[in-house]
Amino acid sequence: MNKIQMKTPLVEMDGDEMTRVIWKMLKDILITPYVDLKTEYYDLGLRHRDETADRVTVESAEATKKYGVAVKCATITPNAARVKEYNLHEMWKSPNGTIRAILDGTVFRAPILVNGIVPFIPSWKKPITIARHAYGDVYRNTECIVPAGSRAELVVTAPDGTETRELIHEFKGAGVVQGQHNLDNSIGSFARACFNYALDTKQDIWFATKDTISKKYDHRFKDIFQEIYDAEYKEKFDKAGIEYFYTLIDDAVARVVRSEGGFIWACKNYDGDVMSDMVATAFGSLGLMTSVLVSPDGVYEYEAAHGTVTRHYYKYLKGEETSTNSMATLFAWTGALRKRGELDGTPELCAFAEKLEKAAVQTIEDGVMTGDLIPLSSLPNKTKVDTEAFLREVAKRLDALL
């Protein structure tokens, strides 16, 4: 068969450890035999980031802004042990954090639903998408250990030099203090990305914080969301037949658990971090979770929602068999190819992405799966396969669909 042609390259961000191994397998088995793949390649493996003083991460994000669509492999965010293991020049920041800051993006994560893998919450029939703000709060905090007898104040110095002071606490005993911040522009970008994604996917969107307790910080998020919605999106939502509403986060949790799914749940940075893992686990597995970073001006970066699967990588290096779930990485590629096709007006590329996803899901529903899914599946007959064998089973079903 003739290979499907691409008009515009994808930005390809390679990664680390077992997911890097899967990355190459997946391309060789499921993509390049069918697609005349065009990418602008960036190696975000930890060693190359160290060699370039992390400049390669910035360059990959700038290329994403240029081309509009990227696909990213899972990468290592080094801790002290990794600095020693890889003999790094310094403890480099999270590549995801760097890319999110440059793209001013919002992360949308949703589960991949597969028959036979039943959510732990029986009422969930449709995917729940978590929209996570990707700037500020605890991830950009400043914190101190406080000795007994100290006085902690929040001080803001205005451009004219005047100061506003708020007492945090009089520490009779020792303690700890933390300062957080966010930016109106970033909150506004978060809101617009959420509203645009809701319109694009035709789903209701919920936004939840704790403004009854945080009457200025969290309330600022609530106000900005409402102002932007009223001014720019209400008529569009009415026309699309979808809804936006705000609720307290504890009320949102109760609503989510009782719901059947099928909506977007927008959360502040830390809330989104926690709730996306909760939703992934309740639906089945982080290995069955899609993740896409969307900027307010319509730039997309697709990635796996999990880590680099270090334990399997060390087994792989020893020549031992691995059975690593590649679904999240596969769906990162299909998401990027579909979006590239949508933006370039190449429906055959979109159709290929759809069929590849269908083939992958069908493989698991036929009882052929990696080891992590075996205990989750309620199918009567299941076969555990290794990392490469799973991809080749997907290829058999893809060939039939094509």
Protein backbone atom coordinates (compact mmCIF):
# COMPACT_ATOMS: atom_id res chain seq x y z
CA MET A 1 0.00 0.00 0.00
CA ASN A 2 1.04 3.58 -0.55
CA LYS A 3 2.14 5.36 2.59
CA ILE A 4 -0.07 8.17 3.95
CA GLN A 5 1.52 11.54 3.24
CA MET A 6 2.03 14.37 5.72
CA LYS A 7 2.06 18.05 4.74
CA THR A 8 3.65 19.49 7.88
CA PRO A 9 6.10 17.89 10.33
CA LEU A 10 5.30 16.96 13.90
CA VAL A 11 7.70 17.99 16.62
CA GLU A 12 9.02 14.71 18.04
CA MET A 13 10.44 14.77 21.59
CA ASP A 14 12.24 11.54 22.47
CA GLY A 15 12.62 10.52 26.11
CA ASP A 16 14.16 8.15 28.62
CA GLU A 17 14.49 4.54 29.77
CA MET A 18 11.80 1.96 28.90
CA THR A 19 9.51 4.49 27.28
CA ARG A 20 12.37 5.44 24.92
CA VAL A 21 12.67 1.75 23.94
CA ILE A 22 8.91 1.55 23.36
CA TRP A 23 9.04 4.81 21.37
CA LYS A 24 11.30 3.28 18.72
CA MET A 25 9.44 -0.05 18.66
CA LEU A 26 6.12 1.70 18.24
CA LYS A 27 7.34 3.87 15.37
CA ASP A 28 8.98 0.92 13.59
CA ILE A 29 6.02 -1.44 13.96
CA LEU A 30 2.93 0.79 13.86
CA ILE A 31 3.71 4.11 12.21
CA THR A 32 6.52 4.24 9.63
CA PRO A 33 5.25 1.19 7.67
CA TYR A 34 2.01 3.09 7.03
CA VAL A 35 2.85 6.82 7.22
CA ASP A 36 5.54 8.79 5.40
CA LEU A 37 6.42 10.25 8.78
CA LYS A 38 7.75 13.79 8.88
CA THR A 39 9.08 15.02 12.22
CA GLU A 40 11.44 17.63 13.61
CA TYR A 41 13.31 15.51 16.14
CA TYR A 42 14.54 16.61 19.58
CA ASP A 43 16.30 14.25 21.98
CA LEU A 44 15.03 15.04 25.49
CA GLY A 45 16.80 12.05 26.99
CA LEU A 46 18.46 13.07 30.25
CA ARG A 47 22.03 12.72 28.96
CA HIS A 48 21.38 14.97 25.97
CA ARG A 49 19.57 17.53 28.10
CA ASP A 50 22.63 17.61 30.31
CA GLU A 51 24.98 17.95 27.31
CA THR A 52 23.00 20.95 26.03
CA ALA A 53 22.47 22.54 29.47
CA ASP A 54 18.76 21.81 28.87
CA ARG A 55 18.71 24.13 25.84
CA VAL A 56 17.22 21.27 23.79
CA THR A 57 14.05 21.36 25.91
CA VAL A 58 13.55 25.06 25.21
CA GLU A 59 14.23 24.51 21.50
CA SER A 60 11.65 21.70 21.34
CA ALA A 61 9.01 23.95 22.91
CA GLU A 62 9.82 26.79 20.50
CA ALA A 63 9.52 24.35 17.58
CA THR A 64 6.13 23.26 18.92
CA LYS A 65 4.96 26.88 18.79
CA LYS A 66 6.17 27.02 15.18
CA TYR A 67 4.59 23.78 13.91
CA GLY A 68 1.55 23.63 16.19
CA VAL A 69 1.65 19.93 17.12
CA ALA A 70 4.16 17.86 19.11
CA VAL A 71 4.38 14.34 20.51
CA LYS A 72 6.50 13.70 23.60
CA CYS A 73 7.96 10.57 25.17
CA ALA A 74 8.12 10.27 28.97
CA THR A 75 11.24 11.88 30.47
CA ILE A 76 13.19 11.80 33.74
CA THR A 77 13.00 14.72 36.16
CA PRO A 78 16.25 14.15 38.06
CA ASN A 79 16.57 14.00 41.82
CA ALA A 80 19.84 13.74 43.77
CA ALA A 81 20.15 10.01 43.02
CA ARG A 82 19.72 10.63 39.29
CA VAL A 83 22.34 13.39 39.33
CA LYS A 84 24.82 10.85 40.67
CA GLU A 85 23.64 7.99 38.41
CA TYR A 86 23.93 10.06 35.23
CA ASN A 87 26.85 12.25 36.41
CA LEU A 88 24.84 15.39 35.62
CA HIS A 89 26.16 18.93 35.74
CA GLU A 90 23.11 19.96 37.79
CA MET A 91 19.63 18.83 38.86
CA TRP A 92 17.74 19.92 35.75
CA LYS A 93 14.11 21.03 36.01
CA SER A 94 11.15 18.99 34.78
CA PRO A 95 11.04 19.10 30.96
CA ASN A 96 7.24 19.06 31.18
CA GLY A 97 7.30 22.12 33.44
CA THR A 98 9.62 23.99 31.07
CA ILE A 99 7.49 23.15 28.03
CA ARG A 100 4.24 24.05 29.83
CA ALA A 101 5.64 27.43 30.86
CA ILE A 102 6.81 28.28 27.31
CA LEU A 103 3.55 27.18 25.70
CA ASP A 104 1.43 28.72 28.49
CA GLY A 105 -0.50 25.48 28.31
CA THR A 106 -3.18 23.57 30.17
CA VAL A 107 -2.91 19.78 30.58
CA PHE A 108 -5.96 17.68 29.69
CA ARG A 109 -5.92 14.04 30.84
CA ALA A 110 -8.59 11.44 30.07
CA PRO A 111 -8.82 7.64 30.45
CA ILE A 112 -8.84 5.17 27.57
CA LEU A 113 -11.96 3.02 28.07
CA VAL A 114 -11.58 -0.68 27.31
CA ASN A 115 -14.28 -3.37 27.65
CA GLY A 116 -13.28 -5.84 30.34
CA ILE A 117 -11.51 -3.25 32.48
CA VAL A 118 -14.28 -1.99 34.74
CA PRO A 119 -13.89 1.29 36.66
CA PHE A 120 -13.72 0.96 40.43
CA ILE A 121 -16.65 3.41 40.52
CA PRO A 122 -19.44 1.48 38.77
CA SER A 123 -21.45 4.56 37.75
CA TRP A 124 -18.63 5.85 35.50
CA LYS A 125 -19.66 5.05 31.93
CA LYS A 126 -17.89 7.85 30.04
CA PRO A 127 -14.39 9.35 30.32
CA ILE A 128 -13.73 12.12 32.86
CA THR A 129 -11.21 14.63 31.55
CA ILE A 130 -9.06 16.48 34.09
CA ALA A 131 -7.95 19.97 33.00
CA ARG A 132 -4.94 20.96 35.08
CA HIS A 133 -3.56 24.47 35.33
CA ALA A 134 0.18 24.21 34.73
CA TYR A 135 1.59 27.32 36.39
CA GLY A 136 2.32 28.47 39.92
CA ASP A 137 0.82 27.61 43.31
CA VAL A 138 2.85 25.06 45.31
CA TYR A 139 5.04 24.28 42.28
CA ARG A 140 6.50 27.78 42.39
CA ASN A 141 6.41 28.21 46.14
CA THR A 142 8.90 29.85 48.49
CA GLU A 143 9.19 28.24 51.91
CA CYS A 144 11.12 28.55 55.16
CA ILE A 145 11.66 26.65 58.38
CA VAL A 146 10.66 29.06 61.15
CA PRO A 147 12.36 29.11 64.59
CA ALA A 148 10.33 29.60 67.75
CA GLY A 149 9.61 33.23 68.65
CA SER A 150 9.49 34.41 65.02
CA ARG A 151 6.90 36.64 63.35
CA ALA A 152 5.97 35.85 59.74
CA GLU A 153 4.39 38.49 57.50
CA LEU A 154 3.31 38.66 53.88
CA VAL A 155 4.78 41.84 52.39
CA VAL A 156 3.92 43.27 48.95
CA THR A 157 5.90 46.29 47.75
CA ALA A 158 4.03 48.36 45.15
CA PRO A 159 5.83 50.10 42.22
CA ASP A 160 5.76 53.38 44.17
CA GLY A 161 7.49 51.74 47.12
CA THR A 162 4.50 51.54 49.45
CA GLU A 163 4.10 48.31 51.37
CA THR A 164 1.09 46.17 52.19
CA ARG A 165 1.62 43.83 55.14
CA GLU A 166 -0.49 40.92 56.33
CA LEU A 167 0.38 38.94 59.45
CA ILE A 168 0.76 35.23 58.72
CA HIS A 169 1.49 33.97 62.24
CA GLU A 170 3.25 34.69 65.52
CA PHE A 171 5.34 31.55 66.03
CA LYS A 172 5.52 30.77 69.75
CA GLY A 173 6.92 27.40 68.78
CA ALA A 174 8.96 26.39 65.73
CA GLY A 175 7.13 25.78 62.47
CA VAL A 176 7.16 26.20 58.72
CA VAL A 177 5.86 28.88 56.32
CA GLN A 178 5.15 28.84 52.60
CA GLY A 179 4.38 31.53 50.03
CA GLN A 180 2.52 30.87 46.76
CA HIS A 181 1.60 33.02 43.80
CA ASN A 182 -0.19 32.98 40.47
CA LEU A 183 -0.70 35.43 37.59
CA ASP A 184 -3.88 36.89 36.14
CA ASN A 185 -2.59 36.29 32.60
CA SER A 186 -1.86 32.63 33.33
CA ILE A 187 -5.25 32.10 34.97
CA GLY A 188 -6.89 33.73 31.94
CA SER A 189 -4.97 31.46 29.56
CA PHE A 190 -6.04 28.47 31.65
CA ALA A 191 -9.69 29.54 31.43
CA ARG A 192 -9.59 30.08 27.66
CA ALA A 193 -7.83 26.76 27.04
CA CYS A 194 -10.51 25.01 29.11
CA PHE A 195 -13.40 26.72 27.35
CA ASN A 196 -11.89 26.12 23.89
CA TYR A 197 -11.30 22.46 24.67
CA ALA A 198 -14.88 22.08 25.92
CA LEU A 199 -16.17 23.56 22.67
CA ASP A 200 -13.81 21.39 20.62
CA THR A 201 -14.90 18.18 22.37
CA LYS A 202 -18.51 19.29 23.01
CA GLN A 203 -18.39 18.50 26.72
CA ASP A 204 -19.66 20.33 29.80
CA ILE A 205 -16.93 21.85 31.96
CA TRP A 206 -16.81 22.16 35.74
CA PHE A 207 -14.35 24.37 37.58
CA ALA A 208 -13.69 23.87 41.29
CA THR A 209 -11.57 25.61 43.95
CA LYS A 210 -12.04 26.47 47.65
CA ASP A 211 -13.00 30.16 47.46
CA THR A 212 -15.02 30.02 50.71
CA ILE A 213 -11.73 29.55 52.58
CA SER A 214 -9.28 31.23 50.20
CA LYS A 215 -11.34 34.38 49.72
CA LYS A 216 -8.74 36.24 47.64
CA TYR A 217 -6.42 33.64 46.06
CA ASP A 218 -8.92 30.98 44.97
CA HIS A 219 -11.64 33.58 44.52
CA ARG A 220 -9.41 35.29 41.95
CA PHE A 221 -9.49 32.11 39.84
CA LYS A 222 -13.28 31.92 40.17
CA ASP A 223 -13.76 35.57 39.16
CA ILE A 224 -11.44 35.42 36.14
CA PHE A 225 -13.11 32.25 34.84
CA GLN A 226 -16.55 33.82 35.17
CA GLU A 227 -15.54 37.13 33.57
CA ILE A 228 -14.00 35.41 30.55
CA TYR A 229 -16.91 33.00 30.20
CA ASP A 230 -19.53 35.78 30.31
CA ALA A 231 -17.65 38.04 27.90
CA GLU A 232 -16.30 35.55 25.37
CA TYR A 233 -17.90 32.11 25.62
CA LYS A 234 -21.46 32.11 26.97
CA GLU A 235 -23.12 32.50 23.57
CA LYS A 236 -20.83 29.85 22.05
CA PHE A 237 -21.64 27.42 24.85
CA ASP A 238 -25.38 28.07 24.51
CA LYS A 239 -25.16 27.45 20.77
CA ALA A 240 -23.17 24.22 21.30
CA GLY A 241 -25.61 23.02 23.97
CA ILE A 242 -22.94 22.61 26.64
CA GLU A 243 -22.63 24.06 30.14
CA TYR A 244 -20.03 25.74 32.34
CA PHE A 245 -20.45 25.97 36.08
CA TYR A 246 -18.37 26.62 39.19
CA THR A 247 -18.53 24.65 42.42
CA LEU A 248 -16.47 24.13 45.55
CA ILE A 249 -13.90 21.35 45.14
CA ASP A 250 -15.34 19.20 47.92
CA ASP A 251 -18.76 19.45 46.27
CA ALA A 252 -17.13 18.63 42.92
CA VAL A 253 -15.62 15.44 44.35
CA ALA A 254 -19.06 14.31 45.52
CA ARG A 255 -20.61 15.16 42.15
CA VAL A 256 -17.84 13.35 40.25
CA VAL A 257 -18.20 10.15 42.27
CA ARG A 258 -21.98 10.11 41.70
CA SER A 259 -21.73 11.01 38.00
CA GLU A 260 -21.57 8.82 34.91
CA GLY A 261 -18.64 10.84 33.52
CA GLY A 262 -18.51 12.55 30.14
CA PHE A 263 -17.34 16.03 31.23
CA ILE A 264 -14.21 18.15 31.82
CA TRP A 265 -13.18 18.89 35.41
CA ALA A 266 -10.92 21.95 35.58
CA CYS A 267 -8.60 22.12 38.59
CA LYS A 268 -5.82 24.30 39.93
CA ASN A 269 -2.29 22.97 39.56
CA TYR A 270 -1.96 20.75 42.65
CA ASP A 271 -5.63 19.70 42.63
CA GLY A 272 -5.23 18.60 39.01
CA ASP A 273 -2.07 16.67 39.82
CA VAL A 274 -3.85 14.67 42.53
CA MET A 275 -7.23 14.28 40.84
CA SER A 276 -5.79 13.09 37.51
CA ASP A 277 -4.03 10.23 39.31
CA MET A 278 -7.23 9.47 41.22
CA VAL A 279 -9.30 9.38 38.02
CA ALA A 280 -6.66 7.28 36.21
CA THR A 281 -6.50 4.73 39.03
CA ALA A 282 -10.27 4.58 39.45
CA PHE A 283 -10.70 3.96 35.72
CA GLY A 284 -7.96 1.32 35.76
CA SER A 285 -4.38 2.41 35.15
CA LEU A 286 -2.06 5.36 34.42
CA GLY A 287 -1.01 3.26 31.45
CA LEU A 288 -4.52 3.81 30.06
CA MET A 289 -4.50 7.62 30.35
CA THR A 290 -4.15 10.15 27.54
CA SER A 291 -2.51 13.52 28.12
CA VAL A 292 -2.42 16.61 25.92
CA LEU A 293 -1.03 20.08 26.64
CA VAL A 294 -3.10 22.79 24.93
CA SER A 295 -2.09 26.43 24.69
CA PRO A 296 -4.72 29.20 24.50
CA ASP A 297 -3.64 29.97 20.93
CA GLY A 298 -4.19 26.39 19.75
CA VAL A 299 -0.82 24.63 20.05
CA TYR A 300 -0.95 20.94 21.06
CA GLU A 301 1.62 18.67 22.71
CA TYR A 302 0.61 15.02 23.25
CA GLU A 303 2.38 12.82 25.80
CA ALA A 304 2.05 9.73 27.97
CA ALA A 305 0.69 10.47 31.44
CA HIS A 306 3.08 8.09 33.22
CA GLY A 307 6.79 7.93 33.94
CA THR A 308 9.72 6.22 32.22
CA VAL A 309 9.07 2.74 33.70
CA THR A 310 12.53 2.50 35.27
CA ARG A 311 12.09 -0.98 36.78
CA HIS A 312 11.29 -2.51 33.38
CA TYR A 313 14.20 -0.65 31.78
CA TYR A 314 16.73 -2.23 34.14
CA LYS A 315 15.24 -5.65 33.32
CA TYR A 316 15.48 -4.84 29.60
CA LEU A 317 19.15 -3.90 29.96
CA LYS A 318 19.79 -7.32 31.53
CA GLY A 319 18.12 -9.01 28.58
CA GLU A 320 15.12 -10.07 30.64
CA GLU A 321 11.58 -10.12 29.23
CA THR A 322 9.45 -7.04 29.86
CA SER A 323 5.69 -6.65 29.52
CA THR A 324 5.31 -2.87 29.48
CA ASN A 325 2.01 -1.17 28.70
CA SER A 326 2.48 1.02 25.61
CA MET A 327 -1.12 2.27 25.30
CA ALA A 328 -0.53 5.78 26.65
CA THR A 329 2.47 6.27 24.35
CA LEU A 330 0.50 4.87 21.41
CA PHE A 331 -2.39 7.27 22.07
CA ALA A 332 0.07 10.17 22.31
CA TRP A 333 1.14 9.37 18.74
CA THR A 334 -2.41 8.90 17.47
CA GLY A 335 -3.54 12.13 19.13
CA ALA A 336 -0.71 14.06 17.48
CA LEU A 337 -1.25 12.45 14.07
CA ARG A 338 -5.00 13.12 14.23
CA LYS A 339 -4.49 16.77 15.18
CA ARG A 340 -1.86 17.19 12.45
CA GLY A 341 -4.35 15.76 9.97
CA GLU A 342 -7.12 18.07 11.21
CA LEU A 343 -4.94 21.18 10.95
CA ASP A 344 -3.49 20.24 7.54
CA GLY A 345 -6.74 19.00 5.99
CA THR A 346 -5.49 15.43 5.47
CA PRO A 347 -8.44 13.21 6.47
CA GLU A 348 -6.54 10.02 5.59
CA LEU A 349 -4.08 10.78 8.42
CA CYS A 350 -6.98 11.29 10.84
CA ALA A 351 -8.57 8.02 9.69
CA PHE A 352 -5.27 6.16 10.22
CA ALA A 353 -5.04 7.49 13.80
CA GLU A 354 -8.61 6.38 14.50
CA LYS A 355 -7.97 2.88 13.14
CA LEU A 356 -4.73 2.51 15.10
CA GLU A 357 -6.54 3.41 18.33
CA LYS A 358 -9.33 0.97 17.46
CA ALA A 359 -6.79 -1.79 16.76
CA ALA A 360 -5.02 -1.17 20.09
CA VAL A 361 -8.25 -1.27 22.10
CA GLN A 362 -9.45 -4.35 20.18
CA THR A 363 -6.22 -6.17 21.04
CA ILE A 364 -6.88 -5.79 24.77
CA GLU A 365 -10.58 -6.60 24.34
CA ASP A 366 -9.52 -9.80 22.55
CA GLY A 367 -7.70 -10.77 25.75
CA VAL A 368 -4.15 -9.99 24.58
CA MET A 369 -2.51 -7.56 27.00
CA THR A 370 0.56 -6.61 29.00
CA GLY A 371 1.13 -7.81 32.54
CA ASP A 372 -0.16 -4.73 34.34
CA LEU A 373 -3.63 -5.14 32.81
CA ILE A 374 -4.07 -8.86 33.52
CA PRO A 375 -5.29 -8.39 37.16
CA LEU A 376 -7.53 -5.48 36.11
CA SER A 377 -9.35 -7.28 33.31
CA SER A 378 -12.57 -9.21 33.92
CA LEU A 379 -12.27 -11.13 30.63
CA PRO A 380 -12.39 -14.92 31.13
CA ASN A 381 -9.52 -15.70 28.75
CA LYS A 382 -6.42 -13.52 28.93
CA THR A 383 -2.96 -13.86 27.43
CA LYS A 384 0.02 -11.97 28.79
CA VAL A 385 2.44 -10.84 26.07
CA ASP A 386 5.74 -9.01 26.18
CA THR A 387 6.30 -5.39 25.18
CA GLU A 388 7.09 -5.98 21.51
CA ALA A 389 4.59 -8.81 21.04
CA PHE A 390 1.73 -6.54 22.12
CA LEU A 391 2.65 -3.98 19.45
CA ARG A 392 2.83 -6.73 16.81
CA GLU A 393 -0.62 -7.97 17.86
CA VAL A 394 -1.91 -4.43 17.39
CA ALA A 395 -0.30 -4.37 13.93
CA LYS A 396 -2.20 -7.54 12.92
CA ARG A 397 -5.52 -5.90 13.77
CA LEU A 398 -4.48 -2.61 12.17
CA ASP A 399 -3.68 -4.42 8.91
CA ALA A 400 -7.16 -5.95 8.97
CA LEU A 401 -8.79 -2.54 9.52
CA LEU A 402 -6.76 -0.94 6.73
